[in-house]
Protein backbone atom coordinates (compact mmCIF):
# COMPACT_ATOMS: atom_id res chain seq x y z
CA MET A 1 8.16 249.92 68.97
CA GLU A 2 7.33 249.07 72.57
CA LEU A 3 4.18 248.89 74.64
CA CYS A 4 3.89 251.59 77.27
CA PRO A 5 4.02 250.00 80.70
CA VAL A 6 1.68 252.70 82.02
CA CYS A 7 -1.20 252.45 79.52
CA TRP A 8 -0.28 249.46 77.32
CA TRP A 9 -0.43 251.43 74.09
CA GLU A 10 2.09 250.97 71.31
CA ASP A 11 3.16 254.28 69.78
CA ASP A 12 2.26 253.75 66.16
CA GLY A 13 2.92 257.33 65.12
CA GLN A 14 -0.59 258.64 65.50
CA GLU A 15 -0.98 262.36 66.38
CA ASP A 16 -3.97 264.46 67.35
CA GLU A 17 -4.88 265.03 63.70
CA ASP A 18 -5.55 261.36 63.07
CA ALA A 19 -6.33 260.20 66.60
CA SER A 20 -9.73 258.83 65.63
CA ASP A 21 -8.25 256.59 62.93
CA VAL A 22 -7.99 252.84 63.61
CA ARG A 23 -4.68 251.52 62.24
CA LEU A 24 -5.10 247.80 63.12
CA THR A 25 -1.58 247.59 64.52
CA VAL A 26 -0.75 245.78 67.77
CA ASN A 27 -3.31 248.18 69.29
CA GLY A 28 -5.97 246.19 67.52
CA PRO A 29 -9.28 247.84 66.76
CA LEU A 30 -8.63 250.82 69.04
CA SER A 31 -8.05 254.32 67.92
CA LEU A 32 -5.87 256.68 69.92
CA SER A 33 -8.98 258.66 70.82
CA GLU A 34 -10.66 255.58 72.25
CA ALA A 35 -7.54 254.57 74.15
CA ARG A 36 -7.36 258.03 75.69
CA VAL A 37 -10.95 257.78 76.91
CA HIS A 38 -10.29 254.34 78.35
CA PHE A 39 -7.12 255.56 80.09
CA ALA A 40 -9.01 258.45 81.69
CA GLU A 41 -11.69 256.04 82.89
CA CYS A 42 -9.67 253.09 84.08
CA GLY A 43 -5.98 253.73 83.76
CA ALA A 44 -5.21 251.59 80.71
CA SER A 45 -5.74 251.96 76.97
CA HIS A 46 -8.48 249.33 77.31
CA PRO A 47 -9.84 247.66 80.43
CA ARG A 48 -8.65 244.27 79.28
CA TYR A 49 -5.04 245.56 79.69
CA LEU A 50 -5.39 246.42 83.33
CA PRO A 51 -3.44 243.32 84.51
CA TYR A 52 -0.41 244.56 82.52
CA VAL A 53 -0.19 248.24 83.44
CA ARG A 54 1.38 250.07 86.33
CA LYS A 55 0.79 253.46 87.88
CA PRO A 56 2.73 256.30 86.26
CA GLY A 57 5.79 257.56 88.00
CA SER A 58 6.01 261.23 89.01
CA PHE A 59 8.21 261.88 85.98
CA GLU A 60 5.48 260.49 83.67
CA LEU A 61 2.55 262.72 84.68
């Protein structure tokens, strides 16, 4: 598993059906739903990850 360089989320297998579950993986106490809200607001799965992310490329939109 790798951290996404665009949002800093590790794909832990969550899907829309369980997006509100917190799995306590490397993503910490974030659910996928929370990470999506943060990404829409600030461009990272959590504001504390802003120093580590980059803008998405045109092929990632």
